[in-house]
Amino acid sequence: MPDITMACSHAPESPLALLLRTAADVNGPSAIEQREDAETAAAYHAWAAYPRTIAQAVEPADWQGLSATDHGGRYFKPSAVAWLDGGLWLHHTLRITEHGAAADVLTLILPCSCGRYTDITVDSEGRLLELLAELTAAGGRSVHDETRGDCHCTSAVPQPDGLR
């Protein structure tokens, strides 16, 4: 968001300047603040909920924040991704529960044996360890199984810089 206080000619501490800063604050955090907040939230969640796994393997600086975006009529909240290697990513975002509290959502994005990508929500360190054991046996890929009807692969392939 551009700094609207710089667009007008007024004293920095004038009532107008205060009102313009207040209006900017009401509009929510800037894209930079959203990205930084998303990176911080992801790093903290990794440290607090996955101390033996993700916190040991992914440095806080490895998280790349993404600001909120509206893409094709769908709104995506700020989030952060961490590139793991071998085509695997971690994706972290916060969702608001029905009680108005923020809840961490961690997703493992991984290549599928069909050649596309799929994602798996990881809700505990134990579940992550189970997934890693399965991936080791499958060569680092999710096993594609259309017979179960639960393959939700996408053809969009994430890029290491976080852009598609």
Foldseek 3Di string as FASTA:
>chain_A
DDQVLVVDDDDCPDPVVVVSVVVVVVVPDDQVVLFVVQLVVVLVCCCVFPVPPCNVQAPSVQWTKGDWDQDPNDTDHIWIKGDRDPLKIKIWDWDQDPVRDTDIWIKIWFAAPVGFIAIDTDDHNVSVVVVVVVCVVVVGHHYDDCVVVPGPTDRDRADSVRDD
